[in-house]
Amino acid sequence: MRISGTREGVEAMRPVTAPAAVRPTRPEPGSFAAVLGSLGRELDRGEALAARASRGGATLDAGALLALQAGIYRYTEAVDLASKLVDRAASAVKTTLQSG
């Protein structure tokens, strides 16, 4: 498998963050908004990782490939959680509209 070089492959595993001036204020820890924001950041990070991995490049060593696999796994778990959240929210709205 060819990604983007060992050094770039390791760089791909680092979190993608916005500059301090762009970051919104953080909601209270443990609140639904905080969990939703964390899920959104995890989805953004996974999407960036997958995009970097799909560009191609030099062959990665075993450690970088394991890090890539773990990152993609975290991304798929975040996507699965987001899809369940949307499904439950849509079901709750449908139930609310039917009972009213």
PDB file of N, CA and C in Angstrom:
ATOM      1  N   MET A   1       0.849  -1.170   0.000  1.00  0.00           N
ATOM      2  CA  MET A   1       0.000   0.000   0.000  1.00  0.00           C
ATOM      3  C   MET A   1       0.892   1.229   0.000  1.00  0.00           C
ATOM      4  N   ARG A   2       0.571   2.178  -0.820  1.00  0.00           N
ATOM      5  CA  ARG A   2       1.342   3.411  -0.884  1.00  0.00           C
ATOM      6  C   ARG A   2       0.485   4.553  -0.373  1.00  0.00           C
ATOM      7  N   ILE A   3       1.044   5.302   0.531  1.00  0.00           N
ATOM      8  CA  ILE A   3       0.322   6.455   1.057  1.00  0.00           C
ATOM      9  C   ILE A   3       1.075   7.701   0.650  1.00  0.00           C
ATOM     10  N   SER A   4       1.754   8.351   1.547  1.00  0.00           N
ATOM     11  CA  SER A   4       2.417   9.600   1.191  1.00  0.00           C
ATOM     12  C   SER A   4       3.801   9.710   1.799  1.00  0.00           C
ATOM     13  N   GLY A   5       4.417   8.645   2.140  1.00  0.00           N
ATOM     14  CA  GLY A   5       5.739   8.685   2.743  1.00  0.00           C
ATOM     15  C   GLY A   5       5.629   8.475   4.237  1.00  0.00           C
ATOM     16  N   THR A   6       6.657   7.878   4.799  1.00  0.00           N
ATOM     17  CA  THR A   6       6.617   7.552   6.219  1.00  0.00           C
ATOM     18  C   THR A   6       6.429   8.795   7.072  1.00  0.00           C
ATOM     19  N   ARG A   7       7.197   9.811   6.821  1.00  0.00           N
ATOM     20  CA  ARG A   7       7.088  11.027   7.630  1.00  0.00           C
ATOM     21  C   ARG A   7       5.715  11.665   7.462  1.00  0.00           C
ATOM     22  N   GLU A   8       5.244  11.751   6.213  1.00  0.00           N
ATOM     23  CA  GLU A   8       3.925  12.335   5.975  1.00  0.00           C
ATOM     24  C   GLU A   8       2.835  11.439   6.528  1.00  0.00           C
ATOM     25  N   GLY A   9       3.043  10.117   6.501  1.00  0.00           N
ATOM     26  CA  GLY A   9       2.060   9.192   7.052  1.00  0.00           C
ATOM     27  C   GLY A   9       1.886   9.396   8.543  1.00  0.00           C
ATOM     28  N   VAL A  10       2.998   9.611   9.243  1.00  0.00           N
ATOM     29  CA  VAL A  10       2.923   9.870  10.675  1.00  0.00           C
ATOM     30  C   VAL A  10       2.268  11.230  10.925  1.00  0.00           C
ATOM     31  N   GLU A  11       2.588  12.224  10.087  1.00  0.00           N
ATOM     32  CA  GLU A  11       1.953  13.536  10.211  1.00  0.00           C
ATOM     33  C   GLU A  11       0.445  13.425  10.016  1.00  0.00           C
ATOM     34  N   ALA A  12       0.007  12.473   9.176  1.00  0.00           N
ATOM     35  CA  ALA A  12      -1.426  12.304   8.908  1.00  0.00           C
ATOM     36  C   ALA A  12      -2.180  11.836  10.145  1.00  0.00           C
ATOM     37  N   MET A  13      -1.473  11.253  11.102  1.00  0.00           N
ATOM     38  CA  MET A  13      -2.126  10.736  12.297  1.00  0.00           C
ATOM     39  C   MET A  13      -2.363  11.840  13.337  1.00  0.00           C
ATOM     40  N   ARG A  14      -1.737  12.983  13.187  1.00  0.00           N
ATOM     41  CA  ARG A  14      -1.900  14.071  14.145  1.00  0.00           C
ATOM     42  C   ARG A  14      -3.256  14.745  13.957  1.00  0.00           C
ATOM     43  N   PRO A  15      -3.868  15.201  15.055  1.00  0.00           N
ATOM     44  CA  PRO A  15      -5.181  15.844  14.945  1.00  0.00           C
ATOM     45  C   PRO A  15      -5.130  17.137  14.142  1.00  0.00           C
ATOM     46  N   VAL A  16      -6.193  17.356  13.411  1.00  0.00           N
ATOM     47  CA  VAL A  16      -6.341  18.589  12.643  1.00  0.00           C
ATOM     48  C   VAL A  16      -7.126  19.567  13.508  1.00  0.00           C
ATOM     49  N   THR A  17      -6.551  20.738  13.803  1.00  0.00           N
ATOM     50  CA  THR A  17      -7.234  21.709  14.651  1.00  0.00           C
ATOM     51  C   THR A  17      -7.283  23.061  13.963  1.00  0.00           C
ATOM     52  N   ALA A  18      -8.268  23.831  14.322  1.00  0.00           N
ATOM     53  CA  ALA A  18      -8.414  25.179  13.777  1.00  0.00           C
ATOM     54  C   ALA A  18      -7.547  26.143  14.571  1.00  0.00           C
ATOM     55  N   PRO A  19      -7.151  27.253  13.969  1.00  0.00           N
ATOM     56  CA  PRO A  19      -6.405  28.261  14.723  1.00  0.00           C
ATOM     57  C   PRO A  19      -7.225  28.766  15.909  1.00  0.00           C
ATOM     58  N   ALA A  20      -6.538  29.237  16.927  1.00  0.00           N
ATOM     59  CA  ALA A  20      -7.213  29.657  18.167  1.00  0.00           C
ATOM     60  C   ALA A  20      -8.255  30.740  17.915  1.00  0.00           C
ATOM     61  N   ALA A  21      -8.011  31.630  16.971  1.00  0.00           N
ATOM     62  CA  ALA A  21      -8.944  32.727  16.704  1.00  0.00           C
ATOM     63  C   ALA A  21     -10.243  32.223  16.079  1.00  0.00           C
ATOM     64  N   VAL A  22     -10.220  31.046  15.453  1.00  0.00           N
ATOM     65  CA  VAL A  22     -11.396  30.529  14.755  1.00  0.00           C
ATOM     66  C   VAL A  22     -12.222  29.614  15.652  1.00  0.00           C
ATOM     67  N   ARG A  23     -11.608  29.052  16.686  1.00  0.00           N
ATOM     68  CA  ARG A  23     -12.312  28.104  17.538  1.00  0.00           C
ATOM     69  C   ARG A  23     -13.457  28.777  18.299  1.00  0.00           C
ATOM     70  N   PRO A  24     -14.640  28.155  18.279  1.00  0.00           N
ATOM     71  CA  PRO A  24     -15.751  28.708  19.052  1.00  0.00           C
ATOM     72  C   PRO A  24     -15.538  28.402  20.540  1.00  0.00           C
ATOM     73  N   THR A  25     -16.290  29.082  21.391  1.00  0.00           N
ATOM     74  CA  THR A  25     -16.192  28.786  22.815  1.00  0.00           C
ATOM     75  C   THR A  25     -16.739  27.393  23.055  1.00  0.00           C
ATOM     76  N   ARG A  26     -16.136  26.696  23.984  1.00  0.00           N
ATOM     77  CA  ARG A  26     -16.537  25.315  24.246  1.00  0.00           C
ATOM     78  C   ARG A  26     -17.725  25.269  25.189  1.00  0.00           C
ATOM     79  N   PRO A  27     -18.694  24.381  24.889  1.00  0.00           N
ATOM     80  CA  PRO A  27     -19.825  24.220  25.794  1.00  0.00           C
ATOM     81  C   PRO A  27     -19.373  23.517  27.079  1.00  0.00           C
ATOM     82  N   GLU A  28     -20.252  23.480  28.044  1.00  0.00           N
ATOM     83  CA  GLU A  28     -19.973  22.847  29.325  1.00  0.00           C
ATOM     84  C   GLU A  28     -19.661  21.365  29.114  1.00  0.00           C
ATOM     85  N   PRO A  29     -18.587  20.841  29.751  1.00  0.00           N
ATOM     86  CA  PRO A  29     -18.241  19.424  29.575  1.00  0.00           C
ATOM     87  C   PRO A  29     -19.397  18.515  29.983  1.00  0.00           C
ATOM     88  N   GLY A  30     -19.620  17.479  29.218  1.00  0.00           N
ATOM     89  CA  GLY A  30     -20.682  16.529  29.514  1.00  0.00           C
ATOM     90  C   GLY A  30     -22.032  16.905  28.944  1.00  0.00           C
ATOM     91  N   SER A  31     -22.167  18.112  28.401  1.00  0.00           N
ATOM     92  CA  SER A  31     -23.445  18.509  27.817  1.00  0.00           C
ATOM     93  C   SER A  31     -23.595  17.883  26.430  1.00  0.00           C
ATOM     94  N   PHE A  32     -24.811  17.852  25.961  1.00  0.00           N
ATOM     95  CA  PHE A  32     -25.066  17.295  24.642  1.00  0.00           C
ATOM     96  C   PHE A  32     -24.310  18.060  23.567  1.00  0.00           C
ATOM     97  N   ALA A  33     -24.239  19.380  23.707  1.00  0.00           N
ATOM     98  CA  ALA A  33     -23.512  20.200  22.733  1.00  0.00           C
ATOM     99  C   ALA A  33     -22.033  19.843  22.713  1.00  0.00           C
ATOM    100  N   ALA A  34     -21.461  19.558  23.883  1.00  0.00           N
ATOM    101  CA  ALA A  34     -20.045  19.180  23.947  1.00  0.00           C
ATOM    102  C   ALA A  34     -19.814  17.833  23.270  1.00  0.00           C
ATOM    103  N   VAL A  35     -20.698  16.885  23.508  1.00  0.00           N
ATOM    104  CA  VAL A  35     -20.572  15.565  22.889  1.00  0.00           C
ATOM    105  C   VAL A  35     -20.740  15.674  21.376  1.00  0.00           C
ATOM    106  N   LEU A  36     -21.714  16.445  20.951  1.00  0.00           N
ATOM    107  CA  LEU A  36     -21.941  16.628  19.523  1.00  0.00           C
ATOM    108  C   LEU A  36     -20.761  17.335  18.868  1.00  0.00           C
ATOM    109  N   GLY A  37     -20.206  18.336  19.522  1.00  0.00           N
ATOM    110  CA  GLY A  37     -19.032  19.026  18.994  1.00  0.00           C
ATOM    111  C   GLY A  37     -17.833  18.102  18.900  1.00  0.00           C
ATOM    112  N   SER A  38     -17.647  17.269  19.914  1.00  0.00           N
ATOM    113  CA  SER A  38     -16.554  16.300  19.913  1.00  0.00           C
ATOM    114  C   SER A  38     -16.720  15.295  18.776  1.00  0.00           C
ATOM    115  N   LEU A  39     -17.930  14.855  18.548  1.00  0.00           N
ATOM    116  CA  LEU A  39     -18.205  13.929  17.450  1.00  0.00           C
ATOM    117  C   LEU A  39     -17.915  14.596  16.105  1.00  0.00           C
ATOM    118  N   GLY A  40     -18.300  15.841  15.961  1.00  0.00           N
ATOM    119  CA  GLY A  40     -18.023  16.573  14.727  1.00  0.00           C
ATOM    120  C   GLY A  40     -16.541  16.728  14.474  1.00  0.00           C
ATOM    121  N   ARG A  41     -15.777  17.034  15.541  1.00  0.00           N
ATOM    122  CA  ARG A  41     -14.324  17.153  15.388  1.00  0.00           C
ATOM    123  C   ARG A  41     -13.702  15.820  15.011  1.00  0.00           C
ATOM    124  N   GLU A  42     -14.187  14.735  15.599  1.00  0.00           N
ATOM    125  CA  GLU A  42     -13.675  13.400  15.274  1.00  0.00           C
ATOM    126  C   GLU A  42     -13.979  13.047  13.817  1.00  0.00           C
ATOM    127  N   LEU A  43     -15.155  13.420  13.344  1.00  0.00           N
ATOM    128  CA  LEU A  43     -15.500  13.180  11.936  1.00  0.00           C
ATOM    129  C   LEU A  43     -14.602  13.998  11.006  1.00  0.00           C
ATOM    130  N   ASP A  44     -14.353  15.260  11.357  1.00  0.00           N
ATOM    131  CA  ASP A  44     -13.462  16.096  10.549  1.00  0.00           C
ATOM    132  C   ASP A  44     -12.055  15.521  10.514  1.00  0.00           C
ATOM    133  N   ARG A  45     -11.567  15.077  11.667  1.00  0.00           N
ATOM    134  CA  ARG A  45     -10.222  14.505  11.752  1.00  0.00           C
ATOM    135  C   ARG A  45     -10.123  13.237  10.900  1.00  0.00           C
ATOM    136  N   GLY A  46     -11.135  12.377  10.990  1.00  0.00           N
ATOM    137  CA  GLY A  46     -11.132  11.138  10.207  1.00  0.00           C
ATOM    138  C   GLY A  46     -11.229  11.398   8.724  1.00  0.00           C
ATOM    139  N   GLU A  47     -12.022  12.384   8.351  1.00  0.00           N
ATOM    140  CA  GLU A  47     -12.150  12.731   6.940  1.00  0.00           C
ATOM    141  C   GLU A  47     -10.822  13.246   6.386  1.00  0.00           C
ATOM    142  N   ALA A  48     -10.132  14.068   7.167  1.00  0.00           N
ATOM    143  CA  ALA A  48      -8.828  14.578   6.738  1.00  0.00           C
ATOM    144  C   ALA A  48      -7.814  13.446   6.632  1.00  0.00           C
ATOM    145  N   LEU A  49      -7.848  12.509   7.566  1.00  0.00           N
ATOM    146  CA  LEU A  49      -6.949  11.366   7.537  1.00  0.00           C
ATOM    147  C   LEU A  49      -7.188  10.518   6.301  1.00  0.00           C
ATOM    148  N   ALA A  50      -8.444  10.232   6.001  1.00  0.00           N
ATOM    149  CA  ALA A  50      -8.777   9.426   4.827  1.00  0.00           C
ATOM    150  C   ALA A  50      -8.370  10.142   3.534  1.00  0.00           C
ATOM    151  N   ALA A  51      -8.548  11.449   3.497  1.00  0.00           N
ATOM    152  CA  ALA A  51      -8.155  12.208   2.303  1.00  0.00           C
ATOM    153  C   ALA A  51      -6.648  12.154   2.097  1.00  0.00           C
ATOM    154  N   ARG A  52      -5.877  12.321   3.182  1.00  0.00           N
ATOM    155  CA  ARG A  52      -4.418  12.252   3.063  1.00  0.00           C
ATOM    156  C   ARG A  52      -3.972  10.860   2.646  1.00  0.00           C
ATOM    157  N   ALA A  53      -4.633   9.834   3.173  1.00  0.00           N
ATOM    158  CA  ALA A  53      -4.258   8.459   2.854  1.00  0.00           C
ATOM    159  C   ALA A  53      -4.572   8.125   1.404  1.00  0.00           C
ATOM    160  N   SER A  54      -5.614   8.706   0.858  1.00  0.00           N
ATOM    161  CA  SER A  54      -6.013   8.373  -0.511  1.00  0.00           C
ATOM    162  C   SER A  54      -5.182   9.075  -1.572  1.00  0.00           C
ATOM    163  N   ARG A  55      -4.388  10.071  -1.177  1.00  0.00           N
ATOM    164  CA  ARG A  55      -3.566  10.788  -2.160  1.00  0.00           C
ATOM    165  C   ARG A  55      -2.431   9.949  -2.705  1.00  0.00           C
ATOM    166  N   GLY A  56      -1.961   8.970  -1.968  1.00  0.00           N
ATOM    167  CA  GLY A  56      -0.862   8.120  -2.433  1.00  0.00           C
ATOM    168  C   GLY A  56       0.480   8.723  -2.118  1.00  0.00           C
ATOM    169  N   GLY A  57       1.541   8.017  -2.489  1.00  0.00           N
ATOM    170  CA  GLY A  57       2.892   8.492  -2.225  1.00  0.00           C
ATOM    171  C   GLY A  57       3.809   7.330  -1.925  1.00  0.00           C
ATOM    172  N   ALA A  58       4.751   7.518  -1.033  1.00  0.00           N
ATOM    173  CA  ALA A  58       5.745   6.500  -0.703  1.00  0.00           C
ATOM    174  C   ALA A  58       5.145   5.388   0.155  1.00  0.00           C
ATOM    175  N   THR A  59       5.841   4.279   0.219  1.00  0.00           N
ATOM    176  CA  THR A  59       5.423   3.137   1.021  1.00  0.00           C
ATOM    177  C   THR A  59       5.621   3.445   2.505  1.00  0.00           C
ATOM    178  N   LEU A  60       4.653   3.062   3.325  1.00  0.00           N
ATOM    179  CA  LEU A  60       4.720   3.302   4.774  1.00  0.00           C
ATOM    180  C   LEU A  60       5.275   2.074   5.478  1.00  0.00           C
ATOM    181  N   ASP A  61       5.909   2.288   6.627  1.00  0.00           N
ATOM    182  CA  ASP A  61       6.380   1.169   7.427  1.00  0.00           C
ATOM    183  C   ASP A  61       5.205   0.591   8.224  1.00  0.00           C
ATOM    184  N   ALA A  62       5.471  -0.509   8.924  1.00  0.00           N
ATOM    185  CA  ALA A  62       4.405  -1.217   9.637  1.00  0.00           C
ATOM    186  C   ALA A  62       3.753  -0.340  10.709  1.00  0.00           C
ATOM    187  N   GLY A  63       4.548   0.433  11.426  1.00  0.00           N
ATOM    188  CA  GLY A  63       3.996   1.289  12.482  1.00  0.00           C
ATOM    189  C   GLY A  63       3.062   2.346  11.935  1.00  0.00           C
ATOM    190  N   ALA A  64       3.444   2.965  10.826  1.00  0.00           N
ATOM    191  CA  ALA A  64       2.597   3.995  10.220  1.00  0.00           C
ATOM    192  C   ALA A  64       1.310   3.385   9.671  1.00  0.00           C
ATOM    193  N   LEU A  65       1.403   2.170   9.132  1.00  0.00           N
ATOM    194  CA  LEU A  65       0.194   1.509   8.628  1.00  0.00           C
ATOM    195  C   LEU A  65      -0.759   1.148   9.769  1.00  0.00           C
ATOM    196  N   LEU A  66      -0.198   0.711  10.904  1.00  0.00           N
ATOM    197  CA  LEU A  66      -1.050   0.417  12.059  1.00  0.00           C
ATOM    198  C   LEU A  66      -1.721   1.686  12.583  1.00  0.00           C
ATOM    199  N   ALA A  67      -0.977   2.778  12.605  1.00  0.00           N
ATOM    200  CA  ALA A  67      -1.562   4.055  13.032  1.00  0.00           C
ATOM    201  C   ALA A  67      -2.665   4.483  12.075  1.00  0.00           C
ATOM    202  N   LEU A  68      -2.452   4.285  10.786  1.00  0.00           N
ATOM    203  CA  LEU A  68      -3.472   4.614   9.788  1.00  0.00           C
ATOM    204  C   LEU A  68      -4.708   3.743   9.989  1.00  0.00           C
ATOM    205  N   GLN A  69      -4.505   2.454  10.221  1.00  0.00           N
ATOM    206  CA  GLN A  69      -5.627   1.551  10.445  1.00  0.00           C
ATOM    207  C   GLN A  69      -6.424   1.965  11.677  1.00  0.00           C
ATOM    208  N   ALA A  70      -5.734   2.309  12.750  1.00  0.00           N
ATOM    209  CA  ALA A  70      -6.424   2.740  13.966  1.00  0.00           C
ATOM    210  C   ALA A  70      -7.196   4.036  13.725  1.00  0.00           C
ATOM    211  N   GLY A  71      -6.614   4.958  12.966  1.00  0.00           N
ATOM    212  CA  GLY A  71      -7.293   6.211  12.666  1.00  0.00           C
ATOM    213  C   GLY A  71      -8.549   5.996  11.833  1.00  0.00           C
ATOM    214  N   ILE A  72      -8.449   5.130  10.841  1.00  0.00           N
ATOM    215  CA  ILE A  72      -9.615   4.829   9.995  1.00  0.00           C
ATOM    216  C   ILE A  72     -10.687   4.111  10.812  1.00  0.00           C
ATOM    217  N   TYR A  73     -10.267   3.241  11.723  1.00  0.00           N
ATOM    218  CA  TYR A  73     -11.238   2.560  12.589  1.00  0.00           C
ATOM    219  C   TYR A  73     -11.994   3.564  13.450  1.00  0.00           C
ATOM    220  N   ARG A  74     -11.269   4.508  14.057  1.00  0.00           N
ATOM    221  CA  ARG A  74     -11.921   5.549  14.860  1.00  0.00           C
ATOM    222  C   ARG A  74     -12.898   6.356  14.016  1.00  0.00           C
ATOM    223  N   TYR A  75     -12.507   6.638  12.779  1.00  0.00           N
ATOM    224  CA  TYR A  75     -13.377   7.393  11.866  1.00  0.00           C
ATOM    225  C   TYR A  75     -14.655   6.619  11.577  1.00  0.00           C
ATOM    226  N   THR A  76     -14.537   5.316  11.282  1.00  0.00           N
ATOM    227  CA  THR A  76     -15.737   4.528  10.979  1.00  0.00           C
ATOM    228  C   THR A  76     -16.645   4.424  12.198  1.00  0.00           C
ATOM    229  N   GLU A  77     -16.060   4.331  13.392  1.00  0.00           N
ATOM    230  CA  GLU A  77     -16.868   4.305  14.607  1.00  0.00           C
ATOM    231  C   GLU A  77     -17.614   5.631  14.799  1.00  0.00           C
ATOM    232  N   ALA A  78     -16.948   6.741  14.507  1.00  0.00           N
ATOM    233  CA  ALA A  78     -17.596   8.057  14.630  1.00  0.00           C
ATOM    234  C   ALA A  78     -18.725   8.202  13.617  1.00  0.00           C
ATOM    235  N   VAL A  79     -18.504   7.723  12.396  1.00  0.00           N
ATOM    236  CA  VAL A  79     -19.555   7.770  11.365  1.00  0.00           C
ATOM    237  C   VAL A  79     -20.739   6.914  11.793  1.00  0.00           C
ATOM    238  N   ASP A  80     -20.470   5.734  12.345  1.00  0.00           N
ATOM    239  CA  ASP A  80     -21.540   4.855  12.812  1.00  0.00           C
ATOM    240  C   ASP A  80     -22.345   5.521  13.932  1.00  0.00           C
ATOM    241  N   LEU A  81     -21.650   6.146  14.870  1.00  0.00           N
ATOM    242  CA  LEU A  81     -22.334   6.838  15.965  1.00  0.00           C
ATOM    243  C   LEU A  81     -23.173   7.996  15.442  1.00  0.00           C
ATOM    244  N   ALA A  82     -22.632   8.757  14.505  1.00  0.00           N
ATOM    245  CA  ALA A  82     -23.383   9.887  13.932  1.00  0.00           C
ATOM    246  C   ALA A  82     -24.628   9.393  13.209  1.00  0.00           C
ATOM    247  N   SER A  83     -24.499   8.288  12.482  1.00  0.00           N
ATOM    248  CA  SER A  83     -25.664   7.774  11.751  1.00  0.00           C
ATOM    249  C   SER A  83     -26.745   7.289  12.716  1.00  0.00           C
ATOM    250  N   LYS A  84     -26.344   6.661  13.828  1.00  0.00           N
ATOM    251  CA  LYS A  84     -27.327   6.233  14.830  1.00  0.00           C
ATOM    252  C   LYS A  84     -27.999   7.438  15.482  1.00  0.00           C
ATOM    253  N   LEU A  85     -27.217   8.464  15.750  1.00  0.00           N
ATOM    254  CA  LEU A  85     -27.761   9.682  16.354  1.00  0.00           C
ATOM    255  C   LEU A  85     -28.798  10.330  15.438  1.00  0.00           C
ATOM    256  N   VAL A  86     -28.495  10.426  14.164  1.00  0.00           N
ATOM    257  CA  VAL A  86     -29.431  11.017  13.207  1.00  0.00           C
ATOM    258  C   VAL A  86     -30.687  10.154  13.089  1.00  0.00           C
ATOM    259  N   ASP A  87     -30.507   8.837  13.063  1.00  0.00           N
ATOM    260  CA  ASP A  87     -31.650   7.927  12.965  1.00  0.00           C
ATOM    261  C   ASP A  87     -32.566   8.070  14.180  1.00  0.00           C
ATOM    262  N   ARG A  88     -31.977   8.131  15.372  1.00  0.00           N
ATOM    263  CA  ARG A  88     -32.787   8.279  16.590  1.00  0.00           C
ATOM    264  C   ARG A  88     -33.475   9.635  16.638  1.00  0.00           C
ATOM    265  N   ALA A  89     -32.793  10.668  16.216  1.00  0.00           N
ATOM    266  CA  ALA A  89     -33.397  12.008  16.222  1.00  0.00           C
ATOM    267  C   ALA A  89     -34.563  12.062  15.233  1.00  0.00           C
ATOM    268  N   ALA A  90     -34.381  11.484  14.057  1.00  0.00           N
ATOM    269  CA  ALA A  90     -35.461  11.471  13.060  1.00  0.00           C
ATOM    270  C   ALA A  90     -36.652  10.665  13.580  1.00  0.00           C
ATOM    271  N   SER A  91     -36.371   9.573  14.250  1.00  0.00           N
ATOM    272  CA  SER A  91     -37.450   8.762  14.822  1.00  0.00           C
ATOM    273  C   SER A  91     -38.189   9.525  15.916  1.00  0.00           C
ATOM    274  N   ALA A  92     -37.466  10.269  16.729  1.00  0.00           N
ATOM    275  CA  ALA A  92     -38.105  11.053  17.794  1.00  0.00           C
ATOM    276  C   ALA A  92     -38.977  12.160  17.213  1.00  0.00           C
ATOM    277  N   VAL A  93     -38.504  12.799  16.160  1.00  0.00           N
ATOM    278  CA  VAL A  93     -39.305  13.852  15.519  1.00  0.00           C
ATOM    279  C   VAL A  93     -40.558  13.257  14.912  1.00  0.00           C
ATOM    280  N   LYS A  94     -40.410  12.109  14.250  1.00  0.00           N
ATOM    281  CA  LYS A  94     -41.567  11.455  13.630  1.00  0.00           C
ATOM    282  C   LYS A  94     -42.608  11.076  14.696  1.00  0.00           C
ATOM    283  N   THR A  95     -42.145  10.521  15.811  1.00  0.00           N
ATOM    284  CA  THR A  95     -43.054  10.157  16.899  1.00  0.00           C
ATOM    285  C   THR A  95     -43.763  11.377  17.474  1.00  0.00           C
ATOM    286  N   THR A  96     -43.011  12.451  17.642  1.00  0.00           N
ATOM    287  CA  THR A  96     -43.579  13.698  18.181  1.00  0.00           C
ATOM    288  C   THR A  96     -44.638  14.247  17.243  1.00  0.00           C
ATOM    289  N   LEU A  97     -44.370  14.236  15.952  1.00  0.00           N
ATOM    290  CA  LEU A  97     -45.330  14.774  14.983  1.00  0.00           C
ATOM    291  C   LEU A  97     -46.584  13.901  14.888  1.00  0.00           C
ATOM    292  N   GLN A  98     -46.437  12.597  15.020  1.00  0.00           N
ATOM    293  CA  GLN A  98     -47.587  11.693  14.941  1.00  0.00           C
ATOM    294  C   GLN A  98     -48.495  11.801  16.155  1.00  0.00           C
ATOM    295  N   SER A  99     -47.933  12.091  17.323  1.00  0.00           N
ATOM    296  CA  SER A  99     -48.751  12.143  18.528  1.00  0.00           C
ATOM    297  C   SER A  99     -49.450  13.486  18.708  1.00  0.00           C
ATOM    298  N   GLY A 100     -49.032  14.491  17.904  1.00  0.00           N
ATOM    299  CA  GLY A 100     -49.600  15.824  18.084  1.00  0.00           C
ATOM    300  C   GLY A 100     -50.743  16.141  17.253  1.00  0.00           C
TER     301      GLY A 100
END
